[in-house]
Amino acid sequence: MLSDLYARRALIWAFANRDFATRYRSSVLGWAWSLLQPLATLLVFAVVFSVVFRIVPPPLGADPSRGSYAAFLFTGLVTWNLFNSLIVLSMSQLKSNGELLRKVQFPGWAPIFGASIVQLVQVLLELIVLILMFFWQRNVGWTWILAIPILVAMALFAQGIGLMLSILNARFGDVQYIVVVVLGALYFLTPVIYPMSMVEDTASNLVIFIQANPVAWFVQAMHDVMYSLQAPEWWVIPGLLLLGVLTFIVGLAVFNRNSEDIGELL
């Protein structure tokens, strides 16, 4: 199963190159939008939640006397955007390539993985901006290196779920609308815009729901290693990697088992 991915790597890269060329083709600013959009979201959220709702960020790892809500928020946004975008792209790519799949026989996951590669490049750009933000805050530590396996695990986890949902969406068109609603609710059950300490102090009845949310595990781990400069417990990152790998393998298996007639469904 995984050997097929390697054997079809040229096809995956062909779809990735197509998406690289067309994603911002009609835009004047081009790939600059890949940074402007999350930065605009960061600016709006930072003003609303730190000024209006007065959310107090946790202390920075390098200087406990200071906190930066913008840095805290952007750390969570980078992680959440990776999860959200891979799931949404998985469903949309399968639908948008339906006509091609009806005419040419090739694995339905090829355009999905191609689009995911492009999205990973965008996440890498966002991560660079986040690192520059922390340099400006003088919040630098060796734990940053742990962000790599966390994001890899998150990408595998999201891709596995995206593969399963893309097949489900191909058979039942309502799925994409349900997923949008669920993702919207899941966003507020993930500690992106607020620290866990705030929930524990003011809404303890929600803690169990947030702790049961797998996406929250990834976001909290990123906050630990990037913002608080603390290494998680020894089992956290291996556990996230195991979760990501297993989810990806199951998602790919489900996709392969149910995609033989995918061209007819689309």
C-alpha atoms as a PDB file:
ATOM      1  CA  MET A   1       0.000   0.000   0.000  1.00  0.00           C
ATOM      2  CA  LEU A   2       2.684   2.509   0.989  1.00  0.00           C
ATOM      3  CA  SER A   3       4.890   1.221  -1.822  1.00  0.00           C
ATOM      4  CA  ASP A   4       2.234   2.468  -4.256  1.00  0.00           C
ATOM      5  CA  LEU A   5       2.813   6.016  -3.002  1.00  0.00           C
ATOM      6  CA  TYR A   6       6.500   5.749  -3.836  1.00  0.00           C
ATOM      7  CA  ALA A   7       5.824   4.139  -7.199  1.00  0.00           C
ATOM      8  CA  ARG A   8       3.418   6.953  -8.120  1.00  0.00           C
ATOM      9  CA  ARG A   9       5.582   9.755  -6.733  1.00  0.00           C
ATOM     10  CA  ALA A  10       6.004  11.343 -10.186  1.00  0.00           C
ATOM     11  CA  LEU A  11       2.232  11.558 -10.603  1.00  0.00           C
ATOM     12  CA  ILE A  12       1.846  13.102  -7.149  1.00  0.00           C
ATOM     13  CA  TRP A  13       4.507  15.689  -7.948  1.00  0.00           C
ATOM     14  CA  ALA A  14       2.784  16.464 -11.253  1.00  0.00           C
ATOM     15  CA  PHE A  15      -0.419  17.338  -9.391  1.00  0.00           C
ATOM     16  CA  ALA A  16       1.600  19.320  -6.858  1.00  0.00           C
ATOM     17  CA  ASN A  17       3.287  21.326  -9.624  1.00  0.00           C
ATOM     18  CA  ARG A  18      -0.102  22.007 -11.177  1.00  0.00           C
ATOM     19  CA  ASP A  19      -1.397  23.343  -7.879  1.00  0.00           C
ATOM     20  CA  PHE A  20       1.741  25.422  -7.332  1.00  0.00           C
ATOM     21  CA  ALA A  21       1.171  27.067 -10.706  1.00  0.00           C
ATOM     22  CA  THR A  22      -2.580  27.653 -10.384  1.00  0.00           C
ATOM     23  CA  ARG A  23      -3.283  28.367  -6.714  1.00  0.00           C
ATOM     24  CA  TYR A  24      -2.717  32.154  -6.959  1.00  0.00           C
ATOM     25  CA  ARG A  25      -2.429  32.435 -10.745  1.00  0.00           C
ATOM     26  CA  SER A  26      -4.953  35.267 -11.173  1.00  0.00           C
ATOM     27  CA  SER A  27      -3.779  37.165  -8.087  1.00  0.00           C
ATOM     28  CA  VAL A  28      -1.469  40.185  -8.217  1.00  0.00           C
ATOM     29  CA  LEU A  29       0.174  39.352  -4.898  1.00  0.00           C
ATOM     30  CA  GLY A  30       0.446  35.643  -5.672  1.00  0.00           C
ATOM     31  CA  TRP A  31       1.896  33.484  -2.922  1.00  0.00           C
ATOM     32  CA  ALA A  32       2.080  36.494  -0.613  1.00  0.00           C
ATOM     33  CA  TRP A  33      -1.581  35.724   0.133  1.00  0.00           C
ATOM     34  CA  SER A  34      -0.488  32.495   1.805  1.00  0.00           C
ATOM     35  CA  LEU A  35       0.987  34.675   4.551  1.00  0.00           C
ATOM     36  CA  LEU A  36      -1.351  37.662   4.391  1.00  0.00           C
ATOM     37  CA  GLN A  37      -4.447  35.573   5.127  1.00  0.00           C
ATOM     38  CA  PRO A  38      -3.226  33.986   8.380  1.00  0.00           C
ATOM     39  CA  LEU A  39      -1.574  37.243   9.442  1.00  0.00           C
ATOM     40  CA  ALA A  40      -4.836  39.121   8.907  1.00  0.00           C
ATOM     41  CA  THR A  41      -6.636  36.497  10.987  1.00  0.00           C
ATOM     42  CA  LEU A  42      -3.954  36.852  13.651  1.00  0.00           C
ATOM     43  CA  LEU A  43      -4.366  40.638  13.749  1.00  0.00           C
ATOM     44  CA  VAL A  44      -8.156  40.505  14.070  1.00  0.00           C
ATOM     45  CA  PHE A  45      -8.156  37.757  16.675  1.00  0.00           C
ATOM     46  CA  ALA A  46      -5.344  39.347  18.657  1.00  0.00           C
ATOM     47  CA  VAL A  47      -7.250  42.625  18.893  1.00  0.00           C
ATOM     48  CA  VAL A  48     -10.620  41.052  19.668  1.00  0.00           C
ATOM     49  CA  PHE A  49      -9.515  38.486  22.230  1.00  0.00           C
ATOM     50  CA  SER A  50      -6.668  40.336  23.926  1.00  0.00           C
ATOM     51  CA  VAL A  51      -8.223  43.830  23.957  1.00  0.00           C
ATOM     52  CA  VAL A  52     -11.975  43.242  23.985  1.00  0.00           C
ATOM     53  CA  PHE A  53     -12.174  39.936  25.894  1.00  0.00           C
ATOM     54  CA  ARG A  54      -8.874  40.548  27.696  1.00  0.00           C
ATOM     55  CA  ILE A  55      -7.528  37.008  27.457  1.00  0.00           C
ATOM     56  CA  VAL A  56      -4.231  36.861  29.347  1.00  0.00           C
ATOM     57  CA  PRO A  57      -1.600  34.721  27.607  1.00  0.00           C
ATOM     58  CA  PRO A  58       0.636  32.338  29.558  1.00  0.00           C
ATOM     59  CA  PRO A  59       4.148  33.571  30.427  1.00  0.00           C
ATOM     60  CA  LEU A  60       6.813  33.190  27.772  1.00  0.00           C
ATOM     61  CA  GLY A  61       9.238  30.355  28.392  1.00  0.00           C
ATOM     62  CA  ALA A  62      12.319  32.569  28.144  1.00  0.00           C
ATOM     63  CA  ASP A  63      10.908  35.307  30.373  1.00  0.00           C
ATOM     64  CA  PRO A  64       8.044  34.373  32.728  1.00  0.00           C
ATOM     65  CA  SER A  65       7.472  38.055  33.488  1.00  0.00           C
ATOM     66  CA  ARG A  66       6.201  38.624  29.936  1.00  0.00           C
ATOM     67  CA  GLY A  67       3.502  37.150  27.743  1.00  0.00           C
ATOM     68  CA  SER A  68       2.568  37.597  24.095  1.00  0.00           C
ATOM     69  CA  TYR A  69      -0.973  36.807  23.036  1.00  0.00           C
ATOM     70  CA  ALA A  70      -0.098  37.269  19.345  1.00  0.00           C
ATOM     71  CA  ALA A  71       2.691  34.678  19.568  1.00  0.00           C
ATOM     72  CA  PHE A  72       0.515  32.296  21.587  1.00  0.00           C
ATOM     73  CA  LEU A  73      -2.353  32.657  19.118  1.00  0.00           C
ATOM     74  CA  PHE A  74      -0.216  32.260  16.000  1.00  0.00           C
ATOM     75  CA  THR A  75       1.367  29.083  17.394  1.00  0.00           C
ATOM     76  CA  GLY A  76      -2.093  27.572  17.702  1.00  0.00           C
ATOM     77  CA  LEU A  77      -3.221  28.905  14.324  1.00  0.00           C
ATOM     78  CA  VAL A  78      -0.286  27.347  12.472  1.00  0.00           C
ATOM     79  CA  THR A  79      -1.124  23.960  13.983  1.00  0.00           C
ATOM     80  CA  TRP A  80      -4.878  24.278  13.492  1.00  0.00           C
ATOM     81  CA  ASN A  81      -4.553  25.544   9.913  1.00  0.00           C
ATOM     82  CA  LEU A  82      -2.513  22.460   9.035  1.00  0.00           C
ATOM     83  CA  PHE A  83      -5.254  20.174  10.334  1.00  0.00           C
ATOM     84  CA  ASN A  84      -8.158  22.151   8.883  1.00  0.00           C
ATOM     85  CA  SER A  85      -6.650  22.761   5.439  1.00  0.00           C
ATOM     86  CA  LEU A  86      -5.614  19.142   4.789  1.00  0.00           C
ATOM     87  CA  ILE A  87      -9.102  17.874   5.603  1.00  0.00           C
ATOM     88  CA  VAL A  88     -10.897  20.482   3.483  1.00  0.00           C
ATOM     89  CA  LEU A  89      -8.439  20.061   0.596  1.00  0.00           C
ATOM     90  CA  SER A  90      -8.829  16.288   0.617  1.00  0.00           C
ATOM     91  CA  MET A  91     -12.556  16.578   0.019  1.00  0.00           C
ATOM     92  CA  SER A  92     -12.385  19.411  -2.514  1.00  0.00           C
ATOM     93  CA  GLN A  93      -9.562  17.893  -4.579  1.00  0.00           C
ATOM     94  CA  LEU A  94     -11.358  14.620  -5.125  1.00  0.00           C
ATOM     95  CA  LYS A  95     -14.473  16.479  -6.280  1.00  0.00           C
ATOM     96  CA  SER A  96     -12.613  18.930  -8.512  1.00  0.00           C
ATOM     97  CA  ASN A  97     -10.742  16.138 -10.282  1.00  0.00           C
ATOM     98  CA  GLY A  98     -13.862  14.070 -10.892  1.00  0.00           C
ATOM     99  CA  GLU A  99     -13.958  14.664 -14.652  1.00  0.00           C
ATOM    100  CA  LEU A 100     -10.297  13.693 -15.019  1.00  0.00           C
ATOM    101  CA  LEU A 101     -10.847  10.552 -12.943  1.00  0.00           C
ATOM    102  CA  ARG A 102     -13.692   9.543 -15.266  1.00  0.00           C
ATOM    103  CA  LYS A 103     -11.463   9.875 -18.335  1.00  0.00           C
ATOM    104  CA  VAL A 104      -8.107   8.582 -17.073  1.00  0.00           C
ATOM    105  CA  GLN A 105      -7.451   5.741 -14.682  1.00  0.00           C
ATOM    106  CA  PHE A 106      -5.134   6.739 -11.825  1.00  0.00           C
ATOM    107  CA  PRO A 107      -5.269   6.561  -8.006  1.00  0.00           C
ATOM    108  CA  GLY A 108      -7.749   9.033  -6.588  1.00  0.00           C
ATOM    109  CA  TRP A 109      -5.333   9.903  -3.797  1.00  0.00           C
ATOM    110  CA  ALA A 110      -2.780  11.351  -6.248  1.00  0.00           C
ATOM    111  CA  PRO A 111      -4.391  14.823  -6.598  1.00  0.00           C
ATOM    112  CA  ILE A 112      -5.118  14.833  -2.862  1.00  0.00           C
ATOM    113  CA  PHE A 113      -1.471  14.261  -1.954  1.00  0.00           C
ATOM    114  CA  GLY A 114      -0.350  16.733  -4.600  1.00  0.00           C
ATOM    115  CA  ALA A 115      -2.508  19.477  -3.085  1.00  0.00           C
ATOM    116  CA  SER A 116      -1.327  18.491   0.390  1.00  0.00           C
ATOM    117  CA  ILE A 117       2.300  19.038  -0.621  1.00  0.00           C
ATOM    118  CA  VAL A 118       1.430  22.581  -1.696  1.00  0.00           C
ATOM    119  CA  GLN A 119      -0.359  23.154   1.591  1.00  0.00           C
ATOM    120  CA  LEU A 120       2.657  21.903   3.534  1.00  0.00           C
ATOM    121  CA  VAL A 121       4.758  24.544   1.806  1.00  0.00           C
ATOM    122  CA  GLN A 122       2.307  27.195   3.016  1.00  0.00           C
ATOM    123  CA  VAL A 123       2.528  25.812   6.558  1.00  0.00           C
ATOM    124  CA  LEU A 124       6.323  25.971   6.306  1.00  0.00           C
ATOM    125  CA  LEU A 125       6.087  29.667   5.379  1.00  0.00           C
ATOM    126  CA  GLU A 126       3.779  30.286   8.334  1.00  0.00           C
ATOM    127  CA  LEU A 127       6.227  28.439  10.602  1.00  0.00           C
ATOM    128  CA  ILE A 128       9.070  30.689   9.425  1.00  0.00           C
ATOM    129  CA  VAL A 129       6.997  33.756  10.317  1.00  0.00           C
ATOM    130  CA  LEU A 130       6.249  32.227  13.723  1.00  0.00           C
ATOM    131  CA  ILE A 131       9.958  31.618  14.359  1.00  0.00           C
ATOM    132  CA  LEU A 132      10.774  35.206  13.403  1.00  0.00           C
ATOM    133  CA  MET A 133       8.075  36.380  15.804  1.00  0.00           C
ATOM    134  CA  PHE A 134       9.638  34.405  18.637  1.00  0.00           C
ATOM    135  CA  PHE A 135      13.102  35.732  17.775  1.00  0.00           C
ATOM    136  CA  TRP A 136      11.684  39.229  18.059  1.00  0.00           C
ATOM    137  CA  GLN A 137      10.201  38.250  21.438  1.00  0.00           C
ATOM    138  CA  ARG A 138      13.608  36.762  22.414  1.00  0.00           C
ATOM    139  CA  ASN A 139      11.832  33.512  23.191  1.00  0.00           C
ATOM    140  CA  VAL A 140      14.248  30.942  21.777  1.00  0.00           C
ATOM    141  CA  GLY A 141      14.990  27.424  22.991  1.00  0.00           C
ATOM    142  CA  TRP A 142      16.167  23.965  21.960  1.00  0.00           C
ATOM    143  CA  THR A 143      12.617  22.624  22.282  1.00  0.00           C
ATOM    144  CA  TRP A 144      11.797  24.230  18.920  1.00  0.00           C
ATOM    145  CA  ILE A 145      13.246  21.175  17.202  1.00  0.00           C
ATOM    146  CA  LEU A 146      10.429  19.114  18.720  1.00  0.00           C
ATOM    147  CA  ALA A 147       7.930  21.084  16.633  1.00  0.00           C
ATOM    148  CA  ILE A 148       9.025  19.085  13.566  1.00  0.00           C
ATOM    149  CA  PRO A 149       7.750  15.661  14.712  1.00  0.00           C
ATOM    150  CA  ILE A 150       4.630  17.283  16.166  1.00  0.00           C
ATOM    151  CA  LEU A 151       3.719  18.901  12.838  1.00  0.00           C
ATOM    152  CA  VAL A 152       4.595  15.730  10.917  1.00  0.00           C
ATOM    153  CA  ALA A 153       2.291  13.757  13.216  1.00  0.00           C
ATOM    154  CA  MET A 154      -0.444  16.356  12.769  1.00  0.00           C
ATOM    155  CA  ALA A 155      -0.095  16.225   8.969  1.00  0.00           C
ATOM    156  CA  LEU A 156      -0.378  12.423   8.953  1.00  0.00           C
ATOM    157  CA  PHE A 157      -3.347  12.521  11.331  1.00  0.00           C
ATOM    158  CA  ALA A 158      -5.198  15.139   9.280  1.00  0.00           C
ATOM    159  CA  GLN A 159      -4.397  13.441   5.974  1.00  0.00           C
ATOM    160  CA  GLY A 160      -5.716  10.110   7.206  1.00  0.00           C
ATOM    161  CA  ILE A 161      -8.991  11.696   8.310  1.00  0.00           C
ATOM    162  CA  GLY A 162      -9.153  13.675   5.074  1.00  0.00           C
ATOM    163  CA  LEU A 163      -8.812  10.532   2.957  1.00  0.00           C
ATOM    164  CA  MET A 164     -11.694   8.853   4.759  1.00  0.00           C
ATOM    165  CA  LEU A 165     -13.901  11.933   4.580  1.00  0.00           C
ATOM    166  CA  SER A 166     -13.143  12.464   0.883  1.00  0.00           C
ATOM    167  CA  ILE A 167     -14.513   9.001   0.050  1.00  0.00           C
ATOM    168  CA  LEU A 168     -17.541   9.587   2.250  1.00  0.00           C
ATOM    169  CA  ASN A 169     -18.112  12.973   0.612  1.00  0.00           C
ATOM    170  CA  ALA A 170     -17.898  11.437  -2.858  1.00  0.00           C
ATOM    171  CA  ARG A 171     -20.800   9.128  -1.974  1.00  0.00           C
ATOM    172  CA  PHE A 172     -22.814  11.579   0.128  1.00  0.00           C
ATOM    173  CA  GLY A 173     -22.492  15.225  -0.919  1.00  0.00           C
ATOM    174  CA  ASP A 174     -23.842  16.526   2.391  1.00  0.00           C
ATOM    175  CA  VAL A 175     -20.684  15.396   4.169  1.00  0.00           C
ATOM    176  CA  GLN A 176     -18.654  18.470   3.181  1.00  0.00           C
ATOM    177  CA  TYR A 177     -21.221  20.797   4.762  1.00  0.00           C
ATOM    178  CA  ILE A 178     -21.409  18.726   7.930  1.00  0.00           C
ATOM    179  CA  VAL A 179     -17.605  18.722   8.164  1.00  0.00           C
ATOM    180  CA  VAL A 180     -17.487  22.529   7.932  1.00  0.00           C
ATOM    181  CA  VAL A 181     -19.907  22.792  10.863  1.00  0.00           C
ATOM    182  CA  VAL A 182     -17.997  20.199  12.891  1.00  0.00           C
ATOM    183  CA  LEU A 183     -14.664  21.909  12.211  1.00  0.00           C
ATOM    184  CA  GLY A 184     -16.138  25.216  13.331  1.00  0.00           C
ATOM    185  CA  ALA A 185     -17.242  23.686  16.634  1.00  0.00           C
ATOM    186  CA  LEU A 186     -13.980  21.771  17.013  1.00  0.00           C
ATOM    187  CA  TYR A 187     -12.011  24.992  16.611  1.00  0.00           C
ATOM    188  CA  PHE A 188     -13.516  26.423  19.780  1.00  0.00           C
ATOM    189  CA  LEU A 189     -12.937  23.141  21.619  1.00  0.00           C
ATOM    190  CA  THR A 190      -9.228  23.410  20.804  1.00  0.00           C
ATOM    191  CA  PRO A 191      -6.950  25.716  22.851  1.00  0.00           C
ATOM    192  CA  VAL A 192      -5.999  27.947  19.927  1.00  0.00           C
ATOM    193  CA  ILE A 193      -7.404  31.289  21.071  1.00  0.00           C
ATOM    194  CA  TYR A 194      -7.278  30.579  24.802  1.00  0.00           C
ATOM    195  CA  PRO A 195      -4.856  28.804  27.164  1.00  0.00           C
ATOM    196  CA  MET A 196      -5.956  25.634  28.948  1.00  0.00           C
ATOM    197  CA  SER A 197      -5.380  27.340  32.288  1.00  0.00           C
ATOM    198  CA  MET A 198      -8.172  29.783  31.480  1.00  0.00           C
ATOM    199  CA  VAL A 199     -10.642  26.941  30.863  1.00  0.00           C
ATOM    200  CA  GLU A 200      -9.596  25.160  34.045  1.00  0.00           C
ATOM    201  CA  ASP A 201     -10.212  28.332  36.048  1.00  0.00           C
ATOM    202  CA  THR A 202     -13.461  29.559  34.475  1.00  0.00           C
ATOM    203  CA  ALA A 203     -15.149  26.610  32.731  1.00  0.00           C
ATOM    204  CA  SER A 204     -13.971  23.425  34.362  1.00  0.00           C
ATOM    205  CA  ASN A 205     -16.942  21.479  32.965  1.00  0.00           C
ATOM    206  CA  LEU A 206     -15.501  21.930  29.449  1.00  0.00           C
ATOM    207  CA  VAL A 207     -12.056  20.612  30.338  1.00  0.00           C
ATOM    208  CA  ILE A 208     -12.995  16.981  29.783  1.00  0.00           C
ATOM    209  CA  PHE A 209     -14.279  17.735  26.264  1.00  0.00           C
ATOM    210  CA  ILE A 210     -11.151  19.666  25.332  1.00  0.00           C
ATOM    211  CA  GLN A 211      -8.858  16.999  26.747  1.00  0.00           C
ATOM    212  CA  ALA A 212     -10.727  14.352  24.745  1.00  0.00           C
ATOM    213  CA  ASN A 213     -10.153  16.310  21.517  1.00  0.00           C
ATOM    214  CA  PRO A 214      -7.126  14.836  19.673  1.00  0.00           C
ATOM    215  CA  VAL A 215      -6.454  18.115  17.844  1.00  0.00           C
ATOM    216  CA  ALA A 216      -6.010  19.785  21.226  1.00  0.00           C
ATOM    217  CA  TRP A 217      -3.179  17.360  21.994  1.00  0.00           C
ATOM    218  CA  PHE A 218      -1.201  18.579  18.988  1.00  0.00           C
ATOM    219  CA  VAL A 219      -1.930  22.267  19.643  1.00  0.00           C
ATOM    220  CA  GLN A 220      -1.000  21.980  23.317  1.00  0.00           C
ATOM    221  CA  ALA A 221       2.241  20.210  22.413  1.00  0.00           C
ATOM    222  CA  MET A 222       3.131  23.019  19.986  1.00  0.00           C
ATOM    223  CA  HIS A 223       2.393  25.631  22.643  1.00  0.00           C
ATOM    224  CA  ASP A 224       4.690  23.757  25.015  1.00  0.00           C
ATOM    225  CA  VAL A 225       7.683  23.471  22.693  1.00  0.00           C
ATOM    226  CA  MET A 226       7.414  26.783  20.817  1.00  0.00           C
ATOM    227  CA  TYR A 227       5.872  29.208  23.324  1.00  0.00           C
ATOM    228  CA  SER A 228       6.596  27.826  26.801  1.00  0.00           C
ATOM    229  CA  LEU A 229       9.917  26.247  25.732  1.00  0.00           C
ATOM    230  CA  GLN A 230       9.060  23.123  27.697  1.00  0.00           C
ATOM    231  CA  ALA A 231       9.560  19.571  26.476  1.00  0.00           C
ATOM    232  CA  PRO A 232       6.390  17.485  26.924  1.00  0.00           C
ATOM    233  CA  GLU A 233       6.423  14.222  28.838  1.00  0.00           C
ATOM    234  CA  TRP A 234       8.628  11.635  27.125  1.00  0.00           C
ATOM    235  CA  TRP A 235       5.642   9.691  25.774  1.00  0.00           C
ATOM    236  CA  VAL A 236       3.707  12.617  24.279  1.00  0.00           C
ATOM    237  CA  ILE A 237       5.521  13.079  20.964  1.00  0.00           C
ATOM    238  CA  PRO A 238       5.963   9.321  20.269  1.00  0.00           C
ATOM    239  CA  GLY A 239       2.277   8.950  21.089  1.00  0.00           C
ATOM    240  CA  LEU A 240       1.305  11.712  18.648  1.00  0.00           C
ATOM    241  CA  LEU A 241       3.497  10.164  15.939  1.00  0.00           C
ATOM    242  CA  LEU A 242       1.920   6.752  16.518  1.00  0.00           C
ATOM    243  CA  LEU A 243      -1.560   8.281  16.346  1.00  0.00           C
ATOM    244  CA  GLY A 244      -0.667  10.106  13.133  1.00  0.00           C
ATOM    245  CA  VAL A 245       0.873   7.076  11.422  1.00  0.00           C
ATOM    246  CA  LEU A 246      -1.976   4.739  12.382  1.00  0.00           C
ATOM    247  CA  THR A 247      -4.623   7.245  11.271  1.00  0.00           C
ATOM    248  CA  PHE A 248      -2.865   7.761   7.949  1.00  0.00           C
ATOM    249  CA  ILE A 249      -2.524   4.017   7.287  1.00  0.00           C
ATOM    250  CA  VAL A 250      -6.169   3.371   8.172  1.00  0.00           C
ATOM    251  CA  GLY A 251      -7.307   6.341   6.078  1.00  0.00           C
ATOM    252  CA  LEU A 252      -5.319   5.198   3.050  1.00  0.00           C
ATOM    253  CA  ALA A 253      -6.604   1.623   3.425  1.00  0.00           C
ATOM    254  CA  VAL A 254     -10.209   2.817   3.635  1.00  0.00           C
ATOM    255  CA  PHE A 255      -9.693   5.072   0.635  1.00  0.00           C
ATOM    256  CA  ASN A 256      -8.151   2.306  -1.497  1.00  0.00           C
ATOM    257  CA  ARG A 257     -10.862  -0.170  -0.560  1.00  0.00           C
ATOM    258  CA  ASN A 258     -13.690   2.194  -1.513  1.00  0.00           C
ATOM    259  CA  SER A 259     -12.272   4.109  -4.492  1.00  0.00           C
ATOM    260  CA  GLU A 260     -12.445   1.521  -7.257  1.00  0.00           C
ATOM    261  CA  ASP A 261     -15.550   3.145  -8.754  1.00  0.00           C
ATOM    262  CA  ILE A 262     -14.686   6.664  -7.625  1.00  0.00           C
ATOM    263  CA  GLY A 263     -14.797   8.076 -11.164  1.00  0.00           C
ATOM    264  CA  GLU A 264     -18.428   7.036 -11.564  1.00  0.00           C
ATOM    265  CA  LEU A 265     -19.385   8.572  -8.220  1.00  0.00           C
ATOM    266  CA  LEU A 266     -17.895  11.950  -9.147  1.00  0.00           C
END
